[in-house]
Amino acid sequence: MQQQPEPDVTAKAHIAHIKYQAVVTSGGHSILVDEPVDLGGGDTAMAPYSLLLASLASCTIITLRMYIDRKMWIVDEIAIALELFKTDDGTDIKTYLSFKGELTDEQKKRLLNIAEACPVHKMLTGNIAISTSCA
């Protein structure tokens, strides 16, 4: 019998009777997730789509900070803004980066490539298989 590999990351969530507030736990940390009022929730926390964008945004700027630090470029701040659009063909995410620091146009162009190499970006634009089962 083939042994199952250990997962790289795990997450658990549970929901009770507060519509539609859920508690998600991963890596020893917990966050609340909720839906906006117009979808029946209480708007007490980020919605699932917002969390998806938050994951991409945080991974992107962390990846950029690691690269900038390794290159010893002078950048005091990295900011990112993302927008998600649901389209007839799927989903379109627009990402806008800005930097406070001393960067040439060539360095900014390189940072755009690095941004698209962050692990979450690569995961979202790659092949994802999701299988669901009941206990």
N, C-alpha and C. Protein backbone atom coordinates (compact mmCIF):
# COMPACT_ATOMS: atom_id res chain seq x y z
N MET A 1 0.83 -1.17 0.00
CA MET A 1 0.00 0.00 0.00
C MET A 1 0.89 1.25 0.00
N GLN A 2 0.57 2.19 -0.89
CA GLN A 2 1.36 3.40 -1.01
C GLN A 2 1.03 4.37 0.12
N GLN A 3 2.07 4.91 0.74
CA GLN A 3 1.89 5.83 1.86
C GLN A 3 1.58 7.23 1.34
N GLN A 4 0.59 7.90 1.97
CA GLN A 4 0.23 9.26 1.59
C GLN A 4 1.34 10.22 2.02
N PRO A 5 1.70 11.17 1.15
CA PRO A 5 2.71 12.16 1.56
C PRO A 5 2.13 13.12 2.59
N GLU A 6 3.01 13.70 3.39
CA GLU A 6 2.59 14.71 4.36
C GLU A 6 2.23 15.99 3.62
N PRO A 7 1.14 16.65 3.99
CA PRO A 7 0.78 17.91 3.32
C PRO A 7 1.77 19.01 3.66
N ASP A 8 1.93 19.94 2.72
CA ASP A 8 2.81 21.09 2.95
C ASP A 8 2.16 22.09 3.90
N VAL A 9 0.86 22.26 3.78
CA VAL A 9 0.11 23.20 4.61
C VAL A 9 -1.26 22.58 4.87
N THR A 10 -1.79 22.82 6.04
CA THR A 10 -3.15 22.37 6.34
C THR A 10 -3.96 23.54 6.86
N ALA A 11 -5.25 23.44 6.72
CA ALA A 11 -6.17 24.44 7.26
C ALA A 11 -7.44 23.73 7.67
N LYS A 12 -8.06 24.22 8.70
CA LYS A 12 -9.35 23.70 9.16
C LYS A 12 -10.27 24.89 9.36
N ALA A 13 -11.55 24.66 9.16
CA ALA A 13 -12.54 25.72 9.39
C ALA A 13 -13.77 25.10 10.00
N HIS A 14 -14.48 25.91 10.79
CA HIS A 14 -15.76 25.47 11.30
C HIS A 14 -16.71 26.66 11.37
N ILE A 15 -17.97 26.34 11.24
CA ILE A 15 -19.02 27.36 11.27
C ILE A 15 -20.14 26.83 12.14
N ALA A 16 -20.75 27.70 12.93
CA ALA A 16 -21.88 27.30 13.78
C ALA A 16 -23.14 28.01 13.27
N HIS A 17 -23.78 28.81 14.10
CA HIS A 17 -25.06 29.40 13.72
C HIS A 17 -25.00 30.89 13.40
N ILE A 18 -23.86 31.54 13.58
CA ILE A 18 -23.76 32.95 13.22
C ILE A 18 -23.55 33.01 11.71
N LYS A 19 -24.55 33.49 10.97
CA LYS A 19 -24.46 33.52 9.50
C LYS A 19 -23.45 34.57 9.10
N TYR A 20 -22.58 34.37 8.26
CA TYR A 20 -21.93 33.16 7.80
C TYR A 20 -20.51 33.18 8.31
N GLN A 21 -20.37 33.48 9.57
CA GLN A 21 -19.07 33.64 10.19
C GLN A 21 -18.43 32.28 10.44
N ALA A 22 -17.21 32.14 9.96
CA ALA A 22 -16.45 30.90 10.14
C ALA A 22 -15.13 31.22 10.82
N VAL A 23 -14.59 30.23 11.51
CA VAL A 23 -13.26 30.33 12.10
C VAL A 23 -12.35 29.39 11.31
N VAL A 24 -11.26 29.95 10.80
CA VAL A 24 -10.29 29.18 10.03
C VAL A 24 -9.00 29.13 10.83
N THR A 25 -8.42 27.94 10.92
CA THR A 25 -7.17 27.75 11.66
C THR A 25 -6.14 27.09 10.74
N SER A 26 -4.93 27.63 10.77
CA SER A 26 -3.83 27.06 10.00
C SER A 26 -2.52 27.49 10.65
N GLY A 27 -1.60 26.57 10.75
CA GLY A 27 -0.29 26.91 11.31
C GLY A 27 -0.33 27.47 12.71
N GLY A 28 -1.32 27.07 13.49
CA GLY A 28 -1.44 27.55 14.86
C GLY A 28 -2.06 28.93 15.00
N HIS A 29 -2.56 29.49 13.90
CA HIS A 29 -3.18 30.81 13.92
C HIS A 29 -4.63 30.68 13.48
N SER A 30 -5.49 31.55 14.00
CA SER A 30 -6.90 31.53 13.63
C SER A 30 -7.33 32.89 13.14
N ILE A 31 -8.25 32.88 12.18
CA ILE A 31 -8.85 34.11 11.69
C ILE A 31 -10.35 33.88 11.51
N LEU A 32 -11.08 34.97 11.54
CA LEU A 32 -12.50 34.92 11.23
C LEU A 32 -12.69 35.20 9.75
N VAL A 33 -13.70 34.58 9.19
CA VAL A 33 -14.11 34.82 7.81
C VAL A 33 -15.62 35.02 7.84
N ASP A 34 -16.10 35.93 7.04
CA ASP A 34 -17.54 36.21 7.01
C ASP A 34 -17.91 36.66 5.61
N GLU A 35 -19.17 36.73 5.35
CA GLU A 35 -19.68 37.26 4.10
C GLU A 35 -20.21 38.67 4.36
N PRO A 36 -20.24 39.50 3.32
CA PRO A 36 -20.82 40.83 3.50
C PRO A 36 -22.33 40.75 3.75
N VAL A 37 -22.88 41.82 4.26
CA VAL A 37 -24.30 41.87 4.60
C VAL A 37 -25.18 41.55 3.38
N ASP A 38 -24.80 42.06 2.22
CA ASP A 38 -25.62 41.84 1.03
C ASP A 38 -25.66 40.37 0.60
N LEU A 39 -24.77 39.55 1.14
CA LEU A 39 -24.80 38.11 0.86
C LEU A 39 -25.31 37.31 2.06
N GLY A 40 -25.86 38.00 3.05
CA GLY A 40 -26.45 37.33 4.20
C GLY A 40 -25.55 37.20 5.41
N GLY A 41 -24.33 37.67 5.31
CA GLY A 41 -23.41 37.59 6.43
C GLY A 41 -23.50 38.81 7.33
N GLY A 42 -22.61 38.88 8.29
CA GLY A 42 -22.58 40.00 9.22
C GLY A 42 -21.47 41.00 8.92
N ASP A 43 -20.64 40.71 7.91
CA ASP A 43 -19.52 41.58 7.54
C ASP A 43 -18.60 41.84 8.73
N THR A 44 -18.34 40.78 9.53
CA THR A 44 -17.49 40.91 10.71
C THR A 44 -16.02 40.60 10.43
N ALA A 45 -15.73 40.15 9.22
CA ALA A 45 -14.36 39.79 8.86
C ALA A 45 -14.24 39.76 7.34
N MET A 46 -13.05 39.51 6.86
CA MET A 46 -12.85 39.41 5.41
C MET A 46 -13.66 38.26 4.84
N ALA A 47 -14.11 38.46 3.62
CA ALA A 47 -14.83 37.42 2.89
C ALA A 47 -13.82 36.50 2.21
N PRO A 48 -14.23 35.30 1.79
CA PRO A 48 -13.31 34.36 1.16
C PRO A 48 -12.54 34.93 -0.04
N TYR A 49 -13.21 35.67 -0.94
CA TYR A 49 -12.49 36.26 -2.07
C TYR A 49 -11.45 37.27 -1.59
N SER A 50 -11.77 38.01 -0.55
CA SER A 50 -10.82 38.97 0.01
C SER A 50 -9.60 38.26 0.58
N LEU A 51 -9.84 37.12 1.22
CA LEU A 51 -8.71 36.34 1.76
C LEU A 51 -7.82 35.81 0.64
N LEU A 52 -8.43 35.43 -0.47
CA LEU A 52 -7.64 34.97 -1.62
C LEU A 52 -6.74 36.10 -2.10
N LEU A 53 -7.30 37.30 -2.26
CA LEU A 53 -6.48 38.44 -2.68
C LEU A 53 -5.44 38.79 -1.62
N ALA A 54 -5.80 38.68 -0.35
CA ALA A 54 -4.85 38.96 0.73
C ALA A 54 -3.67 37.99 0.68
N SER A 55 -3.94 36.73 0.38
CA SER A 55 -2.86 35.74 0.26
C SER A 55 -1.92 36.10 -0.89
N LEU A 56 -2.50 36.45 -2.03
CA LEU A 56 -1.67 36.83 -3.17
C LEU A 56 -0.90 38.11 -2.89
N ALA A 57 -1.56 39.10 -2.31
CA ALA A 57 -0.91 40.38 -2.02
C ALA A 57 0.25 40.21 -1.05
N SER A 58 0.01 39.50 0.04
CA SER A 58 1.06 39.35 1.05
C SER A 58 2.23 38.52 0.52
N CYS A 59 1.93 37.45 -0.20
CA CYS A 59 3.01 36.63 -0.77
C CYS A 59 3.84 37.44 -1.75
N THR A 60 3.18 38.25 -2.56
CA THR A 60 3.89 39.04 -3.56
C THR A 60 4.83 40.04 -2.92
N ILE A 61 4.35 40.81 -1.93
CA ILE A 61 5.24 41.82 -1.36
C ILE A 61 6.31 41.21 -0.46
N ILE A 62 6.03 40.07 0.15
CA ILE A 62 7.07 39.37 0.92
C ILE A 62 8.16 38.87 -0.02
N THR A 63 7.77 38.29 -1.14
CA THR A 63 8.73 37.81 -2.14
C THR A 63 9.57 38.98 -2.67
N LEU A 64 8.91 40.10 -2.95
CA LEU A 64 9.64 41.28 -3.43
C LEU A 64 10.61 41.79 -2.37
N ARG A 65 10.17 41.84 -1.11
CA ARG A 65 11.06 42.32 -0.04
C ARG A 65 12.28 41.41 0.09
N MET A 66 12.08 40.10 0.01
CA MET A 66 13.22 39.17 0.09
C MET A 66 14.21 39.44 -1.03
N TYR A 67 13.70 39.62 -2.25
CA TYR A 67 14.56 39.85 -3.41
C TYR A 67 15.30 41.19 -3.26
N ILE A 68 14.56 42.24 -2.91
CA ILE A 68 15.16 43.57 -2.75
C ILE A 68 16.23 43.56 -1.67
N ASP A 69 15.96 42.90 -0.56
CA ASP A 69 16.95 42.81 0.52
C ASP A 69 18.19 42.05 0.06
N ARG A 70 17.99 40.97 -0.69
CA ARG A 70 19.13 40.17 -1.17
C ARG A 70 19.99 41.00 -2.13
N LYS A 71 19.34 41.83 -2.95
CA LYS A 71 20.07 42.68 -3.90
C LYS A 71 20.62 43.95 -3.24
N MET A 72 20.19 44.20 -2.00
CA MET A 72 20.60 45.39 -1.25
C MET A 72 20.20 46.68 -1.96
N TRP A 73 19.03 46.65 -2.60
CA TRP A 73 18.50 47.86 -3.23
C TRP A 73 17.85 48.71 -2.14
N ILE A 74 17.83 50.00 -2.37
CA ILE A 74 17.28 50.92 -1.38
C ILE A 74 15.79 51.11 -1.67
N VAL A 75 14.97 50.38 -0.92
CA VAL A 75 13.52 50.48 -1.04
C VAL A 75 12.95 50.51 0.37
N ASP A 76 12.31 51.63 0.71
CA ASP A 76 11.77 51.81 2.05
C ASP A 76 10.40 51.16 2.22
N GLU A 77 9.65 51.11 1.13
CA GLU A 77 8.28 50.58 1.24
C GLU A 77 7.84 49.99 -0.09
N ILE A 78 7.11 48.90 0.01
CA ILE A 78 6.48 48.26 -1.14
C ILE A 78 4.98 48.25 -0.86
N ALA A 79 4.21 48.72 -1.79
CA ALA A 79 2.75 48.69 -1.63
C ALA A 79 2.14 47.94 -2.81
N ILE A 80 1.04 47.28 -2.55
CA ILE A 80 0.35 46.52 -3.59
C ILE A 80 -1.15 46.72 -3.42
N ALA A 81 -1.83 46.81 -4.53
CA ALA A 81 -3.29 46.87 -4.54
C ALA A 81 -3.76 45.85 -5.56
N LEU A 82 -4.78 45.10 -5.20
CA LEU A 82 -5.32 44.08 -6.11
C LEU A 82 -6.81 44.30 -6.31
N GLU A 83 -7.28 43.95 -7.49
CA GLU A 83 -8.69 44.01 -7.82
C GLU A 83 -9.07 42.69 -8.47
N LEU A 84 -10.19 42.13 -8.05
CA LEU A 84 -10.68 40.87 -8.61
C LEU A 84 -11.95 41.16 -9.40
N PHE A 85 -11.97 40.68 -10.64
CA PHE A 85 -13.14 40.83 -11.50
C PHE A 85 -13.61 39.44 -11.91
N LYS A 86 -14.88 39.16 -11.70
CA LYS A 86 -15.48 37.92 -12.19
C LYS A 86 -15.93 38.18 -13.61
N THR A 87 -15.45 37.37 -14.55
CA THR A 87 -15.75 37.57 -15.96
C THR A 87 -16.47 36.36 -16.53
N ASP A 88 -16.94 36.48 -17.74
CA ASP A 88 -17.59 35.35 -18.41
C ASP A 88 -16.61 34.20 -18.63
N ASP A 89 -15.33 34.53 -18.76
CA ASP A 89 -14.30 33.52 -19.00
C ASP A 89 -13.66 32.97 -17.73
N GLY A 90 -13.99 33.53 -16.58
CA GLY A 90 -13.37 33.09 -15.33
C GLY A 90 -13.16 34.24 -14.38
N THR A 91 -11.92 34.46 -14.02
CA THR A 91 -11.57 35.49 -13.05
C THR A 91 -10.37 36.26 -13.56
N ASP A 92 -10.41 37.58 -13.37
CA ASP A 92 -9.30 38.45 -13.76
C ASP A 92 -8.86 39.21 -12.52
N ILE A 93 -7.58 39.08 -12.17
CA ILE A 93 -7.02 39.79 -11.02
C ILE A 93 -6.02 40.80 -11.55
N LYS A 94 -6.22 42.05 -11.20
CA LYS A 94 -5.31 43.14 -11.56
C LYS A 94 -4.47 43.48 -10.34
N THR A 95 -3.17 43.59 -10.55
CA THR A 95 -2.24 43.90 -9.47
C THR A 95 -1.49 45.19 -9.80
N TYR A 96 -1.41 46.08 -8.83
CA TYR A 96 -0.73 47.35 -8.99
C TYR A 96 0.33 47.47 -7.89
N LEU A 97 1.58 47.63 -8.31
CA LEU A 97 2.70 47.75 -7.37
C LEU A 97 3.22 49.18 -7.34
N SER A 98 3.68 49.60 -6.17
CA SER A 98 4.40 50.86 -6.07
C SER A 98 5.52 50.70 -5.05
N PHE A 99 6.58 51.47 -5.28
CA PHE A 99 7.77 51.37 -4.45
C PHE A 99 8.19 52.76 -3.99
N LYS A 100 8.61 52.87 -2.73
CA LYS A 100 9.25 54.08 -2.24
C LYS A 100 10.72 53.74 -2.08
N GLY A 101 11.54 54.32 -2.93
CA GLY A 101 12.96 54.03 -2.86
C GLY A 101 13.66 54.46 -4.13
N GLU A 102 14.88 54.01 -4.23
CA GLU A 102 15.74 54.39 -5.35
C GLU A 102 15.84 53.22 -6.32
N LEU A 103 14.92 53.18 -7.30
CA LEU A 103 14.91 52.10 -8.28
C LEU A 103 14.96 52.67 -9.69
N THR A 104 15.74 52.02 -10.54
CA THR A 104 15.76 52.38 -11.95
C THR A 104 14.59 51.71 -12.66
N ASP A 105 14.32 52.13 -13.87
CA ASP A 105 13.26 51.49 -14.65
C ASP A 105 13.58 50.02 -14.89
N GLU A 106 14.85 49.71 -15.09
CA GLU A 106 15.26 48.32 -15.29
C GLU A 106 15.01 47.48 -14.03
N GLN A 107 15.30 48.03 -12.86
CA GLN A 107 15.04 47.33 -11.61
C GLN A 107 13.54 47.11 -11.40
N LYS A 108 12.72 48.12 -11.73
CA LYS A 108 11.27 47.97 -11.61
C LYS A 108 10.76 46.88 -12.54
N LYS A 109 11.30 46.82 -13.74
CA LYS A 109 10.90 45.77 -14.69
C LYS A 109 11.25 44.39 -14.13
N ARG A 110 12.41 44.27 -13.52
CA ARG A 110 12.82 43.00 -12.90
C ARG A 110 11.88 42.64 -11.76
N LEU A 111 11.48 43.63 -10.97
CA LEU A 111 10.59 43.38 -9.84
C LEU A 111 9.20 42.91 -10.31
N LEU A 112 8.75 43.37 -11.47
CA LEU A 112 7.49 42.86 -12.02
C LEU A 112 7.59 41.37 -12.30
N ASN A 113 8.73 40.93 -12.83
CA ASN A 113 8.94 39.50 -13.07
C ASN A 113 9.00 38.71 -11.76
N ILE A 114 9.66 39.28 -10.77
CA ILE A 114 9.77 38.62 -9.46
C ILE A 114 8.38 38.51 -8.82
N ALA A 115 7.57 39.55 -8.96
CA ALA A 115 6.21 39.54 -8.38
C ALA A 115 5.41 38.36 -8.94
N GLU A 116 5.56 38.10 -10.22
CA GLU A 116 4.80 37.01 -10.83
C GLU A 116 5.41 35.64 -10.53
N ALA A 117 6.54 35.63 -9.84
CA ALA A 117 7.17 34.37 -9.45
C ALA A 117 6.90 34.01 -8.00
N CYS A 118 6.08 34.81 -7.30
CA CYS A 118 5.80 34.46 -5.91
C CYS A 118 5.02 33.13 -5.88
N PRO A 119 5.21 32.33 -4.85
CA PRO A 119 4.59 31.00 -4.81
C PRO A 119 3.07 30.99 -4.96
N VAL A 120 2.37 31.94 -4.36
CA VAL A 120 0.91 31.95 -4.48
C VAL A 120 0.49 32.30 -5.90
N HIS A 121 1.18 33.26 -6.52
CA HIS A 121 0.89 33.61 -7.92
C HIS A 121 1.08 32.39 -8.82
N LYS A 122 2.20 31.70 -8.64
CA LYS A 122 2.46 30.52 -9.45
C LYS A 122 1.41 29.44 -9.22
N MET A 123 0.96 29.29 -7.99
CA MET A 123 -0.07 28.30 -7.68
C MET A 123 -1.38 28.66 -8.36
N LEU A 124 -1.76 29.93 -8.28
CA LEU A 124 -3.04 30.36 -8.84
C LEU A 124 -3.05 30.31 -10.37
N THR A 125 -1.91 30.48 -10.99
CA THR A 125 -1.85 30.46 -12.45
C THR A 125 -1.44 29.10 -12.99
N GLY A 126 -1.16 28.15 -12.10
CA GLY A 126 -0.76 26.81 -12.51
C GLY A 126 -1.94 25.85 -12.48
N ASN A 127 -1.61 24.60 -12.44
CA ASN A 127 -2.64 23.55 -12.38
C ASN A 127 -2.98 23.28 -10.92
N ILE A 128 -4.26 23.40 -10.62
CA ILE A 128 -4.72 23.12 -9.27
C ILE A 128 -5.74 22.00 -9.33
N ALA A 129 -5.54 20.97 -8.55
CA ALA A 129 -6.51 19.88 -8.43
C ALA A 129 -7.09 19.92 -7.03
N ILE A 130 -8.40 19.89 -6.95
CA ILE A 130 -9.08 19.88 -5.66
C ILE A 130 -9.99 18.67 -5.61
N SER A 131 -9.82 17.84 -4.60
CA SER A 131 -10.70 16.68 -4.43
C SER A 131 -11.39 16.83 -3.07
N THR A 132 -12.67 16.55 -3.05
CA THR A 132 -13.48 16.71 -1.84
C THR A 132 -14.12 15.38 -1.49
N SER A 133 -14.11 15.05 -0.20
CA SER A 133 -14.75 13.82 0.25
C SER A 133 -15.45 14.08 1.58
N CYS A 134 -16.32 13.19 1.98
CA CYS A 134 -17.02 13.28 3.26
C CYS A 134 -16.45 12.28 4.24
N ALA A 135 -16.45 12.65 5.50
CA ALA A 135 -15.97 11.75 6.55
C ALA A 135 -17.10 10.85 7.00
